[in-house]
N, C-alpha and C. Protein backbone atom coordinates (compact mmCIF):
# COMPACT_ATOMS: atom_id res chain seq x y z
N MET A 1 18.92 5.92 3.34
CA MET A 1 18.33 7.25 3.24
C MET A 1 17.17 7.21 2.26
N PRO A 2 16.02 7.71 2.63
CA PRO A 2 14.85 7.66 1.75
C PRO A 2 15.05 8.48 0.49
N SER A 3 14.49 7.98 -0.61
CA SER A 3 14.64 8.67 -1.89
C SER A 3 13.59 9.75 -2.11
N GLY A 4 12.37 9.56 -1.58
CA GLY A 4 11.30 10.52 -1.80
C GLY A 4 10.79 10.52 -3.22
N ASN A 5 10.96 9.40 -3.92
CA ASN A 5 10.60 9.34 -5.34
C ASN A 5 9.33 8.56 -5.64
N ILE A 6 8.50 8.28 -4.64
CA ILE A 6 7.26 7.54 -4.89
C ILE A 6 6.17 8.55 -5.24
N LEU A 7 5.83 8.62 -6.51
CA LEU A 7 4.84 9.58 -6.97
C LEU A 7 3.54 8.94 -7.44
N THR A 8 3.63 7.71 -7.94
CA THR A 8 2.45 7.06 -8.53
C THR A 8 2.27 5.64 -7.98
N ALA A 9 1.15 5.04 -8.33
CA ALA A 9 0.90 3.65 -7.96
C ALA A 9 1.96 2.75 -8.58
N THR A 10 2.39 3.05 -9.78
CA THR A 10 3.42 2.25 -10.45
C THR A 10 4.71 2.24 -9.64
N ASP A 11 5.08 3.38 -9.08
CA ASP A 11 6.28 3.45 -8.25
C ASP A 11 6.16 2.52 -7.05
N VAL A 12 5.00 2.52 -6.41
CA VAL A 12 4.78 1.64 -5.25
C VAL A 12 4.80 0.18 -5.69
N LEU A 13 4.09 -0.12 -6.76
CA LEU A 13 4.04 -1.50 -7.24
C LEU A 13 5.42 -2.03 -7.59
N ASN A 14 6.27 -1.20 -8.19
CA ASN A 14 7.64 -1.63 -8.51
C ASN A 14 8.40 -2.01 -7.25
N LEU A 15 8.24 -1.23 -6.18
CA LEU A 15 8.89 -1.56 -4.91
C LEU A 15 8.34 -2.86 -4.33
N LEU A 16 7.03 -3.03 -4.39
CA LEU A 16 6.41 -4.23 -3.83
C LEU A 16 6.84 -5.49 -4.58
N VAL A 17 6.91 -5.40 -5.90
CA VAL A 17 7.30 -6.55 -6.71
C VAL A 17 8.77 -6.91 -6.47
N SER A 18 9.62 -5.89 -6.30
CA SER A 18 11.04 -6.16 -6.09
C SER A 18 11.33 -6.63 -4.66
N GLY A 19 10.38 -6.40 -3.75
CA GLY A 19 10.53 -6.83 -2.36
C GLY A 19 10.95 -5.68 -1.47
N ILE A 20 10.14 -5.39 -0.47
CA ILE A 20 10.41 -4.30 0.46
C ILE A 20 9.74 -4.64 1.80
N ASP A 21 10.32 -4.17 2.87
CA ASP A 21 9.71 -4.40 4.18
C ASP A 21 8.80 -3.22 4.54
N LYS A 22 7.97 -3.43 5.54
CA LYS A 22 6.97 -2.44 5.95
C LYS A 22 7.62 -1.12 6.36
N THR A 23 8.64 -1.18 7.20
CA THR A 23 9.27 0.04 7.70
C THR A 23 9.88 0.86 6.57
N THR A 24 10.57 0.21 5.66
CA THR A 24 11.19 0.92 4.53
C THR A 24 10.13 1.52 3.63
N LEU A 25 9.06 0.77 3.35
CA LEU A 25 7.99 1.29 2.51
C LEU A 25 7.36 2.53 3.14
N GLU A 26 7.06 2.47 4.43
CA GLU A 26 6.47 3.62 5.11
C GLU A 26 7.43 4.81 5.15
N THR A 27 8.70 4.56 5.31
CA THR A 27 9.70 5.63 5.29
C THR A 27 9.74 6.30 3.92
N GLU A 28 9.70 5.50 2.88
CA GLU A 28 9.70 6.03 1.51
C GLU A 28 8.43 6.83 1.21
N LEU A 29 7.28 6.33 1.64
CA LEU A 29 6.02 7.05 1.42
C LEU A 29 6.04 8.39 2.15
N THR A 30 6.52 8.40 3.38
CA THR A 30 6.62 9.65 4.15
C THR A 30 7.53 10.64 3.44
N ALA A 31 8.70 10.18 3.01
CA ALA A 31 9.67 11.06 2.33
C ALA A 31 9.12 11.59 1.01
N SER A 32 8.17 10.86 0.44
CA SER A 32 7.58 11.26 -0.85
C SER A 32 6.35 12.14 -0.69
N GLY A 33 5.99 12.47 0.55
CA GLY A 33 4.88 13.38 0.79
C GLY A 33 3.52 12.74 0.85
N TRP A 34 3.45 11.41 0.94
CA TRP A 34 2.17 10.74 1.10
C TRP A 34 1.69 10.94 2.53
N THR A 35 0.38 11.02 2.73
CA THR A 35 -0.17 11.21 4.07
C THR A 35 -0.81 9.90 4.54
N SER A 36 -0.88 9.72 5.85
CA SER A 36 -1.41 8.47 6.38
C SER A 36 -2.53 8.70 7.37
N ILE A 37 -3.44 7.72 7.40
CA ILE A 37 -4.49 7.67 8.40
C ILE A 37 -4.62 6.22 8.84
N PRO A 38 -5.11 5.97 10.05
CA PRO A 38 -5.31 4.58 10.49
C PRO A 38 -6.36 3.89 9.62
N ALA A 39 -6.13 2.61 9.34
CA ALA A 39 -7.08 1.80 8.57
C ALA A 39 -7.88 0.93 9.52
N ARG A 40 -9.15 0.76 9.23
CA ARG A 40 -9.96 -0.15 10.01
C ARG A 40 -9.56 -1.57 9.64
N GLY A 41 -9.33 -2.37 10.64
CA GLY A 41 -8.95 -3.76 10.40
C GLY A 41 -9.86 -4.70 11.15
N GLY A 42 -9.87 -5.92 10.69
CA GLY A 42 -10.67 -6.93 11.35
C GLY A 42 -9.80 -7.93 12.08
N SER A 43 -10.41 -8.99 12.55
CA SER A 43 -9.68 -9.99 13.33
C SER A 43 -8.64 -10.71 12.48
N GLN A 44 -8.88 -10.83 11.17
CA GLN A 44 -7.91 -11.49 10.30
C GLN A 44 -6.94 -10.51 9.64
N SER A 45 -7.43 -9.34 9.25
CA SER A 45 -6.56 -8.39 8.54
C SER A 45 -5.66 -7.62 9.49
N GLY A 46 -6.03 -7.50 10.75
CA GLY A 46 -5.18 -6.83 11.73
C GLY A 46 -5.23 -5.31 11.63
N GLN A 47 -4.22 -4.68 12.20
CA GLN A 47 -4.13 -3.22 12.23
C GLN A 47 -3.41 -2.71 10.99
N GLY A 48 -3.69 -1.46 10.61
CA GLY A 48 -3.03 -0.95 9.42
C GLY A 48 -3.12 0.55 9.25
N THR A 49 -2.62 0.96 8.09
CA THR A 49 -2.55 2.37 7.73
C THR A 49 -2.88 2.51 6.26
N ILE A 50 -3.60 3.59 5.93
CA ILE A 50 -3.86 3.94 4.54
C ILE A 50 -3.00 5.15 4.21
N TRP A 51 -2.20 5.03 3.17
CA TRP A 51 -1.33 6.12 2.70
C TRP A 51 -1.92 6.66 1.41
N THR A 52 -2.03 7.98 1.30
CA THR A 52 -2.62 8.62 0.13
C THR A 52 -1.59 9.52 -0.55
N SER A 53 -1.55 9.43 -1.88
CA SER A 53 -0.59 10.23 -2.64
C SER A 53 -0.92 11.72 -2.55
N ARG A 54 0.07 12.54 -2.81
CA ARG A 54 -0.11 14.00 -2.72
C ARG A 54 -1.20 14.50 -3.66
N ASP A 55 -1.32 13.88 -4.84
CA ASP A 55 -2.32 14.33 -5.82
C ASP A 55 -3.68 13.65 -5.63
N LEU A 56 -3.81 12.83 -4.58
CA LEU A 56 -5.06 12.15 -4.22
C LEU A 56 -5.56 11.18 -5.30
N LEU A 57 -4.65 10.66 -6.12
CA LEU A 57 -5.03 9.72 -7.17
C LEU A 57 -4.85 8.26 -6.76
N TRP A 58 -3.98 8.00 -5.78
CA TRP A 58 -3.61 6.64 -5.43
C TRP A 58 -3.60 6.47 -3.92
N SER A 59 -3.75 5.25 -3.48
CA SER A 59 -3.57 4.96 -2.06
C SER A 59 -2.95 3.58 -1.90
N VAL A 60 -2.33 3.40 -0.75
CA VAL A 60 -1.71 2.13 -0.38
C VAL A 60 -2.21 1.77 1.01
N ARG A 61 -2.74 0.58 1.13
CA ARG A 61 -3.18 0.08 2.44
C ARG A 61 -2.13 -0.92 2.90
N ILE A 62 -1.57 -0.67 4.08
CA ILE A 62 -0.58 -1.58 4.66
C ILE A 62 -1.20 -2.15 5.94
N MET A 63 -1.30 -3.46 6.00
CA MET A 63 -1.92 -4.12 7.14
C MET A 63 -0.94 -5.11 7.77
N THR A 64 -1.00 -5.22 9.08
CA THR A 64 -0.21 -6.21 9.81
C THR A 64 -1.16 -7.15 10.53
N GLN A 65 -1.15 -8.40 10.11
CA GLN A 65 -2.05 -9.40 10.67
C GLN A 65 -1.61 -9.78 12.08
N PRO A 66 -2.50 -10.41 12.84
CA PRO A 66 -2.15 -10.82 14.21
C PRO A 66 -0.90 -11.72 14.28
N ASN A 67 -0.58 -12.43 13.19
CA ASN A 67 0.60 -13.28 13.16
C ASN A 67 1.87 -12.50 12.79
N ASN A 68 1.76 -11.16 12.73
CA ASN A 68 2.86 -10.24 12.42
C ASN A 68 3.33 -10.27 10.97
N ILE A 69 2.58 -10.87 10.08
CA ILE A 69 2.88 -10.80 8.66
C ILE A 69 2.18 -9.57 8.11
N SER A 70 2.94 -8.74 7.40
CA SER A 70 2.38 -7.51 6.83
C SER A 70 2.19 -7.69 5.33
N TYR A 71 1.14 -7.06 4.82
CA TYR A 71 0.90 -7.07 3.38
C TYR A 71 0.42 -5.70 2.96
N SER A 72 0.44 -5.47 1.65
CA SER A 72 0.03 -4.18 1.11
C SER A 72 -0.86 -4.38 -0.09
N ARG A 73 -1.75 -3.43 -0.29
CA ARG A 73 -2.58 -3.36 -1.49
C ARG A 73 -2.54 -1.94 -2.00
N VAL A 74 -2.53 -1.77 -3.31
CA VAL A 74 -2.48 -0.47 -3.95
C VAL A 74 -3.82 -0.24 -4.65
N TYR A 75 -4.37 0.98 -4.52
CA TYR A 75 -5.70 1.28 -5.06
C TYR A 75 -5.67 2.48 -6.01
N ASN A 76 -6.62 2.48 -6.94
CA ASN A 76 -6.75 3.58 -7.90
C ASN A 76 -7.69 4.66 -7.39
N GLY A 77 -7.42 5.11 -6.19
CA GLY A 77 -8.19 6.18 -5.55
C GLY A 77 -7.59 6.48 -4.19
N PRO A 78 -8.02 7.56 -3.56
CA PRO A 78 -7.40 7.99 -2.31
C PRO A 78 -7.90 7.30 -1.04
N GLY A 79 -8.89 6.40 -1.14
CA GLY A 79 -9.52 5.88 0.06
C GLY A 79 -9.06 4.54 0.57
N GLY A 80 -8.03 3.96 -0.02
CA GLY A 80 -7.53 2.68 0.48
C GLY A 80 -8.53 1.55 0.40
N GLY A 81 -9.31 1.54 -0.68
CA GLY A 81 -10.31 0.49 -0.86
C GLY A 81 -11.73 0.95 -0.64
N ALA A 82 -11.94 2.25 -0.67
CA ALA A 82 -13.28 2.81 -0.51
C ALA A 82 -14.17 2.35 -1.68
N PRO A 83 -15.49 2.44 -1.53
CA PRO A 83 -16.38 2.05 -2.62
C PRO A 83 -15.99 2.74 -3.94
N GLY A 84 -15.97 1.95 -5.00
CA GLY A 84 -15.62 2.45 -6.33
C GLY A 84 -14.15 2.37 -6.66
N GLU A 85 -13.31 2.10 -5.68
CA GLU A 85 -11.88 1.95 -5.93
C GLU A 85 -11.55 0.49 -6.20
N GLN A 86 -10.53 0.29 -7.02
CA GLN A 86 -10.11 -1.07 -7.35
C GLN A 86 -8.68 -1.29 -6.88
N SER A 87 -8.41 -2.50 -6.38
CA SER A 87 -7.03 -2.84 -6.03
C SER A 87 -6.30 -3.24 -7.31
N LEU A 88 -5.01 -2.92 -7.35
CA LEU A 88 -4.22 -3.10 -8.56
C LEU A 88 -3.22 -4.24 -8.43
N ASN A 89 -3.01 -4.95 -9.54
CA ASN A 89 -2.02 -6.01 -9.56
C ASN A 89 -0.64 -5.44 -9.93
N ALA A 90 0.34 -6.30 -10.12
CA ALA A 90 1.71 -5.86 -10.39
C ALA A 90 1.83 -5.05 -11.69
N LEU A 91 0.87 -5.19 -12.59
CA LEU A 91 0.89 -4.44 -13.85
C LEU A 91 0.11 -3.13 -13.77
N GLY A 92 -0.43 -2.83 -12.58
CA GLY A 92 -1.19 -1.60 -12.40
C GLY A 92 -2.61 -1.70 -12.90
N LYS A 93 -3.10 -2.92 -13.09
CA LYS A 93 -4.47 -3.16 -13.56
C LYS A 93 -5.28 -3.79 -12.44
N PRO A 94 -6.60 -3.60 -12.43
CA PRO A 94 -7.42 -4.28 -11.43
C PRO A 94 -7.19 -5.79 -11.52
N GLY A 95 -7.14 -6.43 -10.37
CA GLY A 95 -6.88 -7.86 -10.35
C GLY A 95 -7.64 -8.57 -9.26
N THR A 96 -7.40 -9.88 -9.19
CA THR A 96 -8.05 -10.71 -8.18
C THR A 96 -7.42 -10.42 -6.81
N ARG A 97 -8.08 -10.91 -5.78
CA ARG A 97 -7.57 -10.74 -4.42
C ARG A 97 -6.14 -11.29 -4.31
N GLN A 98 -5.90 -12.45 -4.86
CA GLN A 98 -4.57 -13.07 -4.80
C GLN A 98 -3.53 -12.23 -5.54
N GLU A 99 -3.90 -11.65 -6.68
CA GLU A 99 -2.97 -10.85 -7.48
C GLU A 99 -2.66 -9.49 -6.87
N THR A 100 -3.53 -9.01 -5.98
CA THR A 100 -3.37 -7.64 -5.47
C THR A 100 -2.90 -7.56 -4.02
N HIS A 101 -2.65 -8.70 -3.40
CA HIS A 101 -2.07 -8.72 -2.04
C HIS A 101 -0.57 -8.95 -2.17
N PHE A 102 0.21 -8.02 -1.68
CA PHE A 102 1.67 -8.14 -1.75
C PHE A 102 2.20 -8.32 -0.33
N ILE A 103 2.79 -9.47 -0.07
CA ILE A 103 3.38 -9.74 1.25
C ILE A 103 4.66 -8.92 1.38
N LEU A 104 4.79 -8.22 2.49
CA LEU A 104 5.99 -7.41 2.73
C LEU A 104 7.06 -8.26 3.39
N LEU A 105 8.31 -7.94 3.10
CA LEU A 105 9.43 -8.68 3.69
C LEU A 105 9.44 -8.49 5.21
N PRO A 106 9.93 -9.49 5.94
CA PRO A 106 10.01 -9.33 7.41
C PRO A 106 10.97 -8.23 7.82
């Protein structure tokens, strides 16, 4: 049963670090009042969704690559990586590409 307790980027990052699958993460975001829109994807990044927090301070981009591996990135803005937004590492700070890509459990 979803908790509906994802309010901040830190809440999302804690789930990603502890390990979570795509379906459970999306269920939790929905229960927490986050809204979603389709994300533009490329041939390598695949299809995805951008989830935006209720207060429009944070976003989560969830992508599923053509090989069916899903990953997530958390941003300090509502646009899922729009210009001026930074992706966050496990500590909630801007980080490198490697530090800010979280592979979701199968």
